[in-house]
Amino acid sequence: MTFAEASRDFRFAAAVAGFGMVLRDSAHKGNFSFEKAVQIGSQNLGNDPYGDRREMINLIKKMVW
């Protein structure tokens, strides 16, 4: 399975995990960035009835911009 074939929930979770790695400057972050977290997260909001996922994206944006 490729990343594109993964569920929206998985891809959103990957964006959040990547954000954490960039925030901590993890040696395992590769070329992941805050901008990439916003891009992947925004594209994979999925079912967000309480706006929690949208809020996460807004918090990441505040870190970047």
Protein backbone atom coordinates (compact mmCIF):
# COMPACT_ATOMS: atom_id res chain seq x y z
CA MET A 1 0.00 0.00 0.00
CA THR A 2 1.24 3.49 -0.83
CA PHE A 3 0.75 6.60 1.27
CA ALA A 4 -1.82 7.87 -1.24
CA GLU A 5 -3.81 4.65 -0.79
CA ALA A 6 -3.87 4.95 3.01
CA SER A 7 -7.01 6.19 4.75
CA ARG A 8 -7.57 9.89 5.38
CA ASP A 9 -7.30 9.22 9.11
CA PHE A 10 -3.88 7.61 8.65
CA ARG A 11 -2.63 10.45 6.44
CA PHE A 12 -3.89 13.08 8.89
CA ALA A 13 -2.20 11.24 11.76
CA ALA A 14 1.02 11.14 9.72
CA ALA A 15 0.82 14.93 9.30
CA VAL A 16 0.45 15.36 13.07
CA ALA A 17 3.31 12.94 13.79
CA GLY A 18 5.49 14.71 11.22
CA PHE A 19 4.68 18.05 12.84
CA GLY A 20 5.86 16.66 16.17
CA MET A 21 9.11 15.43 14.67
CA VAL A 22 9.82 18.80 13.05
CA LEU A 23 8.92 20.61 16.27
CA ARG A 24 11.44 18.49 18.19
CA ASP A 25 13.98 18.65 15.34
CA SER A 26 14.06 14.85 15.30
CA ALA A 27 16.84 13.15 13.41
CA HIS A 28 14.10 11.02 11.83
CA LYS A 29 12.09 13.86 10.30
CA GLY A 30 13.84 13.62 6.95
CA ASN A 31 12.76 16.52 4.76
CA PHE A 32 9.36 16.91 6.46
CA SER A 33 8.43 20.51 7.29
CA PHE A 34 5.70 22.54 8.98
CA GLU A 35 4.44 23.46 5.52
CA LYS A 36 4.21 19.78 4.54
CA ALA A 37 2.25 19.05 7.74
CA VAL A 38 -0.24 21.79 6.83
CA GLN A 39 -0.52 20.53 3.25
CA ILE A 40 -1.07 16.87 4.12
CA GLY A 41 -3.28 17.66 7.10
CA SER A 42 -5.48 20.08 5.16
CA GLN A 43 -5.96 17.61 2.34
CA ASN A 44 -7.01 14.86 4.76
CA LEU A 45 -9.33 16.51 7.28
CA GLY A 46 -11.97 13.84 6.72
CA ASN A 47 -14.82 13.71 9.22
CA ASP A 48 -14.20 16.57 11.68
CA PRO A 49 -17.54 17.23 13.42
CA TYR A 50 -16.04 19.21 16.32
CA GLY A 51 -13.36 21.04 14.35
CA ASP A 52 -10.44 19.42 16.18
CA ARG A 53 -8.53 18.60 13.02
CA ARG A 54 -9.07 22.07 11.58
CA GLU A 55 -7.81 23.53 14.88
CA MET A 56 -4.65 21.39 14.65
CA ILE A 57 -3.98 22.78 11.17
CA ASN A 58 -4.53 26.33 12.47
CA LEU A 59 -2.04 25.73 15.31
CA ILE A 60 0.58 24.47 12.86
CA LYS A 61 -0.03 27.51 10.65
CA LYS A 62 0.58 29.78 13.64
CA MET A 63 3.98 28.11 14.06
CA VAL A 64 4.85 28.78 10.43
CA TRP A 65 3.32 32.11 9.57
